[in-house]
Amino acid sequence: MRSMEARKKAGVLLTVLATAALLLMAFEWLADQTVPELKEHVVHYVDHHMAG
């Protein structure tokens, strides 16, 4: 019984990680498609907000 619960949790975790990886790849691909200035603006915006 417990092994099934652990398997479910592992499956959910893998799904979340895969989704996060796909989103990150999609974001990087989109950033590469856009104008470099816009990419710099986004990076600056993210850095500013992550810094607090």
PDB file of N, CA and C in Angstrom:
ATOM      1  N   MET A   1       0.827  -1.203   0.000  1.00  0.00           N
ATOM      2  CA  MET A   1       0.000   0.000   0.000  1.00  0.00           C
ATOM      3  C   MET A   1       0.868   1.261   0.000  1.00  0.00           C
ATOM      4  N   ARG A   2       1.861   1.247   0.873  1.00  0.00           N
ATOM      5  CA  ARG A   2       2.698   2.438   0.975  1.00  0.00           C
ATOM      6  C   ARG A   2       3.521   2.679  -0.279  1.00  0.00           C
ATOM      7  N   SER A   3       3.937   1.601  -0.921  1.00  0.00           N
ATOM      8  CA  SER A   3       4.739   1.750  -2.138  1.00  0.00           C
ATOM      9  C   SER A   3       3.925   2.413  -3.246  1.00  0.00           C
ATOM     10  N   MET A   4       2.615   2.135  -3.274  1.00  0.00           N
ATOM     11  CA  MET A   4       1.758   2.776  -4.280  1.00  0.00           C
ATOM     12  C   MET A   4       1.639   4.264  -4.014  1.00  0.00           C
ATOM     13  N   GLU A   5       1.505   4.635  -2.736  1.00  0.00           N
ATOM     14  CA  GLU A   5       1.424   6.056  -2.384  1.00  0.00           C
ATOM     15  C   GLU A   5       2.723   6.760  -2.750  1.00  0.00           C
ATOM     16  N   ALA A   6       3.843   6.121  -2.471  1.00  0.00           N
ATOM     17  CA  ALA A   6       5.153   6.697  -2.801  1.00  0.00           C
ATOM     18  C   ALA A   6       5.294   6.848  -4.310  1.00  0.00           C
ATOM     19  N   ARG A   7       4.776   5.854  -5.053  1.00  0.00           N
ATOM     20  CA  ARG A   7       4.854   5.908  -6.509  1.00  0.00           C
ATOM     21  C   ARG A   7       4.021   7.066  -7.046  1.00  0.00           C
ATOM     22  N   LYS A   8       2.839   7.271  -6.436  1.00  0.00           N
ATOM     23  CA  LYS A   8       1.982   8.383  -6.854  1.00  0.00           C
ATOM     24  C   LYS A   8       2.676   9.714  -6.614  1.00  0.00           C
ATOM     25  N   LYS A   9       3.269   9.860  -5.427  1.00  0.00           N
ATOM     26  CA  LYS A   9       3.964  11.100  -5.093  1.00  0.00           C
ATOM     27  C   LYS A   9       5.124  11.346  -6.041  1.00  0.00           C
ATOM     28  N   ALA A  10       5.867  10.283  -6.352  1.00  0.00           N
ATOM     29  CA  ALA A  10       6.998  10.397  -7.267  1.00  0.00           C
ATOM     30  C   ALA A  10       6.514  10.804  -8.656  1.00  0.00           C
ATOM     31  N   GLY A  11       5.383  10.240  -9.066  1.00  0.00           N
ATOM     32  CA  GLY A  11       4.811  10.575 -10.370  1.00  0.00           C
ATOM     33  C   GLY A  11       4.390  12.036 -10.441  1.00  0.00           C
ATOM     34  N   VAL A  12       3.765  12.519  -9.384  1.00  0.00           N
ATOM     35  CA  VAL A  12       3.351  13.922  -9.340  1.00  0.00           C
ATOM     36  C   VAL A  12       4.578  14.825  -9.373  1.00  0.00           C
ATOM     37  N   LEU A  13       5.594  14.478  -8.585  1.00  0.00           N
ATOM     38  CA  LEU A  13       6.821  15.265  -8.535  1.00  0.00           C
ATOM     39  C   LEU A  13       7.494  15.320  -9.901  1.00  0.00           C
ATOM     40  N   LEU A  14       7.564  14.169 -10.577  1.00  0.00           N
ATOM     41  CA  LEU A  14       8.167  14.123 -11.913  1.00  0.00           C
ATOM     42  C   LEU A  14       7.372  14.974 -12.897  1.00  0.00           C
ATOM     43  N   THR A  15       6.046  14.925 -12.789  1.00  0.00           N
ATOM     44  CA  THR A  15       5.196  15.724 -13.671  1.00  0.00           C
ATOM     45  C   THR A  15       5.444  17.212 -13.456  1.00  0.00           C
ATOM     46  N   VAL A  16       5.525  17.609 -12.189  1.00  0.00           N
ATOM     47  CA  VAL A  16       5.782  19.020 -11.863  1.00  0.00           C
ATOM     48  C   VAL A  16       7.139  19.455 -12.391  1.00  0.00           C
ATOM     49  N   LEU A  17       8.156  18.618 -12.190  1.00  0.00           N
ATOM     50  CA  LEU A  17       9.504  18.952 -12.664  1.00  0.00           C
ATOM     51  C   LEU A  17       9.540  19.044 -14.187  1.00  0.00           C
ATOM     52  N   ALA A  18       8.877  18.107 -14.859  1.00  0.00           N
ATOM     53  CA  ALA A  18       8.851  18.113 -16.321  1.00  0.00           C
ATOM     54  C   ALA A  18       8.140  19.356 -16.835  1.00  0.00           C
ATOM     55  N   THR A  19       7.036  19.723 -16.189  1.00  0.00           N
ATOM     56  CA  THR A  19       6.290  20.915 -16.586  1.00  0.00           C
ATOM     57  C   THR A  19       7.144  22.165 -16.397  1.00  0.00           C
ATOM     58  N   ALA A  20       7.831  22.247 -15.258  1.00  0.00           N
ATOM     59  CA  ALA A  20       8.695  23.399 -14.987  1.00  0.00           C
ATOM     60  C   ALA A  20       9.812  23.488 -16.026  1.00  0.00           C
ATOM     61  N   ALA A  21      10.392  22.345 -16.369  1.00  0.00           N
ATOM     62  CA  ALA A  21      11.468  22.324 -17.364  1.00  0.00           C
ATOM     63  C   ALA A  21      10.952  22.778 -18.728  1.00  0.00           C
ATOM     64  N   LEU A  22       9.768  22.309 -19.106  1.00  0.00           N
ATOM     65  CA  LEU A  22       9.188  22.711 -20.389  1.00  0.00           C
ATOM     66  C   LEU A  22       8.892  24.200 -20.410  1.00  0.00           C
ATOM     67  N   LEU A  23       8.359  24.733 -19.316  1.00  0.00           N
ATOM     68  CA  LEU A  23       8.073  26.163 -19.246  1.00  0.00           C
ATOM     69  C   LEU A  23       9.352  26.976 -19.363  1.00  0.00           C
ATOM     70  N   LEU A  24      10.404  26.525 -18.695  1.00  0.00           N
ATOM     71  CA  LEU A  24      11.687  27.221 -18.756  1.00  0.00           C
ATOM     72  C   LEU A  24      12.245  27.204 -20.174  1.00  0.00           C
ATOM     73  N   MET A  25      12.169  26.038 -20.830  1.00  0.00           N
ATOM     74  CA  MET A  25      12.640  25.929 -22.205  1.00  0.00           C
ATOM     75  C   MET A  25      11.829  26.817 -23.131  1.00  0.00           C
ATOM     76  N   ALA A  26      10.501  26.833 -22.940  1.00  0.00           N
ATOM     77  CA  ALA A  26       9.631  27.664 -23.772  1.00  0.00           C
ATOM     78  C   ALA A  26       9.967  29.135 -23.570  1.00  0.00           C
ATOM     79  N   PHE A  27      10.201  29.534 -22.315  1.00  0.00           N
ATOM     80  CA  PHE A  27      10.528  30.934 -22.024  1.00  0.00           C
ATOM     81  C   PHE A  27      11.842  31.314 -22.694  1.00  0.00           C
ATOM     82  N   GLU A  28      12.861  30.442 -22.592  1.00  0.00           N
ATOM     83  CA  GLU A  28      14.158  30.736 -23.203  1.00  0.00           C
ATOM     84  C   GLU A  28      14.035  30.798 -24.723  1.00  0.00           C
ATOM     85  N   TRP A  29      13.225  29.908 -25.306  1.00  0.00           N
ATOM     86  CA  TRP A  29      13.026  29.912 -26.750  1.00  0.00           C
ATOM     87  C   TRP A  29      12.360  31.213 -27.185  1.00  0.00           C
ATOM     88  N   LEU A  30      11.322  31.621 -26.439  1.00  0.00           N
ATOM     89  CA  LEU A  30      10.634  32.866 -26.763  1.00  0.00           C
ATOM     90  C   LEU A  30      11.569  34.055 -26.612  1.00  0.00           C
ATOM     91  N   ALA A  31      12.399  34.041 -25.571  1.00  0.00           N
ATOM     92  CA  ALA A  31      13.343  35.132 -25.341  1.00  0.00           C
ATOM     93  C   ALA A  31      14.323  35.228 -26.502  1.00  0.00           C
ATOM     94  N   ASP A  32      14.725  34.078 -27.053  1.00  0.00           N
ATOM     95  CA  ASP A  32      15.651  34.073 -28.182  1.00  0.00           C
ATOM     96  C   ASP A  32      14.978  34.574 -29.463  1.00  0.00           C
ATOM     97  N   GLN A  33      13.662  34.410 -29.547  1.00  0.00           N
ATOM     98  CA  GLN A  33      12.944  34.823 -30.748  1.00  0.00           C
ATOM     99  C   GLN A  33      12.699  36.334 -30.781  1.00  0.00           C
ATOM    100  N   THR A  34      12.663  36.955 -29.593  1.00  0.00           N
ATOM    101  CA  THR A  34      12.325  38.366 -29.526  1.00  0.00           C
ATOM    102  C   THR A  34      13.547  39.253 -29.690  1.00  0.00           C
ATOM    103  N   VAL A  35      13.295  40.551 -29.684  1.00  0.00           N
ATOM    104  CA  VAL A  35      14.361  41.533 -29.830  1.00  0.00           C
ATOM    105  C   VAL A  35      15.279  41.478 -28.597  1.00  0.00           C
ATOM    106  N   PRO A  36      16.593  41.520 -28.799  1.00  0.00           N
ATOM    107  CA  PRO A  36      17.548  41.455 -27.680  1.00  0.00           C
ATOM    108  C   PRO A  36      17.280  42.497 -26.589  1.00  0.00           C
ATOM    109  N   GLU A  37      16.835  43.692 -26.982  1.00  0.00           N
ATOM    110  CA  GLU A  37      16.560  44.745 -25.991  1.00  0.00           C
ATOM    111  C   GLU A  37      15.434  44.311 -25.050  1.00  0.00           C
ATOM    112  N   LEU A  38      14.420  43.647 -25.625  1.00  0.00           N
ATOM    113  CA  LEU A  38      13.299  43.183 -24.820  1.00  0.00           C
ATOM    114  C   LEU A  38      13.788  42.115 -23.836  1.00  0.00           C
ATOM    115  N   LYS A  39      14.677  41.243 -24.319  1.00  0.00           N
ATOM    116  CA  LYS A  39      15.240  40.190 -23.466  1.00  0.00           C
ATOM    117  C   LYS A  39      15.995  40.821 -22.300  1.00  0.00           C
ATOM    118  N   GLU A  40      16.790  41.844 -22.587  1.00  0.00           N
ATOM    119  CA  GLU A  40      17.531  42.526 -21.528  1.00  0.00           C
ATOM    120  C   GLU A  40      16.577  43.152 -20.531  1.00  0.00           C
ATOM    121  N   HIS A  41      15.506  43.727 -21.030  1.00  0.00           N
ATOM    122  CA  HIS A  41      14.505  44.363 -20.169  1.00  0.00           C
ATOM    123  C   HIS A  41      13.875  43.332 -19.239  1.00  0.00           C
ATOM    124  N   VAL A  42      13.544  42.165 -19.799  1.00  0.00           N
ATOM    125  CA  VAL A  42      12.931  41.092 -19.001  1.00  0.00           C
ATOM    126  C   VAL A  42      13.912  40.600 -17.942  1.00  0.00           C
ATOM    127  N   VAL A  43      15.170  40.387 -18.328  1.00  0.00           N
ATOM    128  CA  VAL A  43      16.190  39.917 -17.385  1.00  0.00           C
ATOM    129  C   VAL A  43      16.364  40.935 -16.268  1.00  0.00           C
ATOM    130  N   HIS A  44      16.419  42.211 -16.615  1.00  0.00           N
ATOM    131  CA  HIS A  44      16.563  43.267 -15.617  1.00  0.00           C
ATOM    132  C   HIS A  44      15.354  43.279 -14.678  1.00  0.00           C
ATOM    133  N   TYR A  45      14.168  43.142 -15.251  1.00  0.00           N
ATOM    134  CA  TYR A  45      12.923  43.128 -14.471  1.00  0.00           C
ATOM    135  C   TYR A  45      12.924  41.963 -13.479  1.00  0.00           C
ATOM    136  N   VAL A  46      13.292  40.775 -13.964  1.00  0.00           N
ATOM    137  CA  VAL A  46      13.329  39.594 -13.110  1.00  0.00           C
ATOM    138  C   VAL A  46      14.381  39.753 -12.010  1.00  0.00           C
ATOM    139  N   ASP A  47      15.565  40.213 -12.381  1.00  0.00           N
ATOM    140  CA  ASP A  47      16.627  40.417 -11.396  1.00  0.00           C
ATOM    141  C   ASP A  47      16.180  41.406 -10.330  1.00  0.00           C
ATOM    142  N   HIS A  48      15.532  42.485 -10.743  1.00  0.00           N
ATOM    143  CA  HIS A  48      15.077  43.524  -9.826  1.00  0.00           C
ATOM    144  C   HIS A  48      14.073  42.953  -8.833  1.00  0.00           C
ATOM    145  N   HIS A  49      13.157  42.137  -9.317  1.00  0.00           N
ATOM    146  CA  HIS A  49      12.116  41.586  -8.439  1.00  0.00           C
ATOM    147  C   HIS A  49      12.625  40.441  -7.575  1.00  0.00           C
ATOM    148  N   MET A  50      13.592  39.678  -8.083  1.00  0.00           N
ATOM    149  CA  MET A  50      14.151  38.585  -7.283  1.00  0.00           C
ATOM    150  C   MET A  50      15.039  39.150  -6.168  1.00  0.00           C
ATOM    151  N   ALA A  51      15.647  40.303  -6.441  1.00  0.00           N
ATOM    152  CA  ALA A  51      16.528  40.934  -5.440  1.00  0.00           C
ATOM    153  C   ALA A  51      15.690  41.474  -4.282  1.00  0.00           C
ATOM    154  N   GLY A  52      14.438  41.779  -4.543  1.00  0.00           N
ATOM    155  CA  GLY A  52      13.546  42.267  -3.492  1.00  0.00           C
ATOM    156  C   GLY A  52      13.440  43.755  -3.595  1.00  0.00           C
TER     157      GLY A  52
END
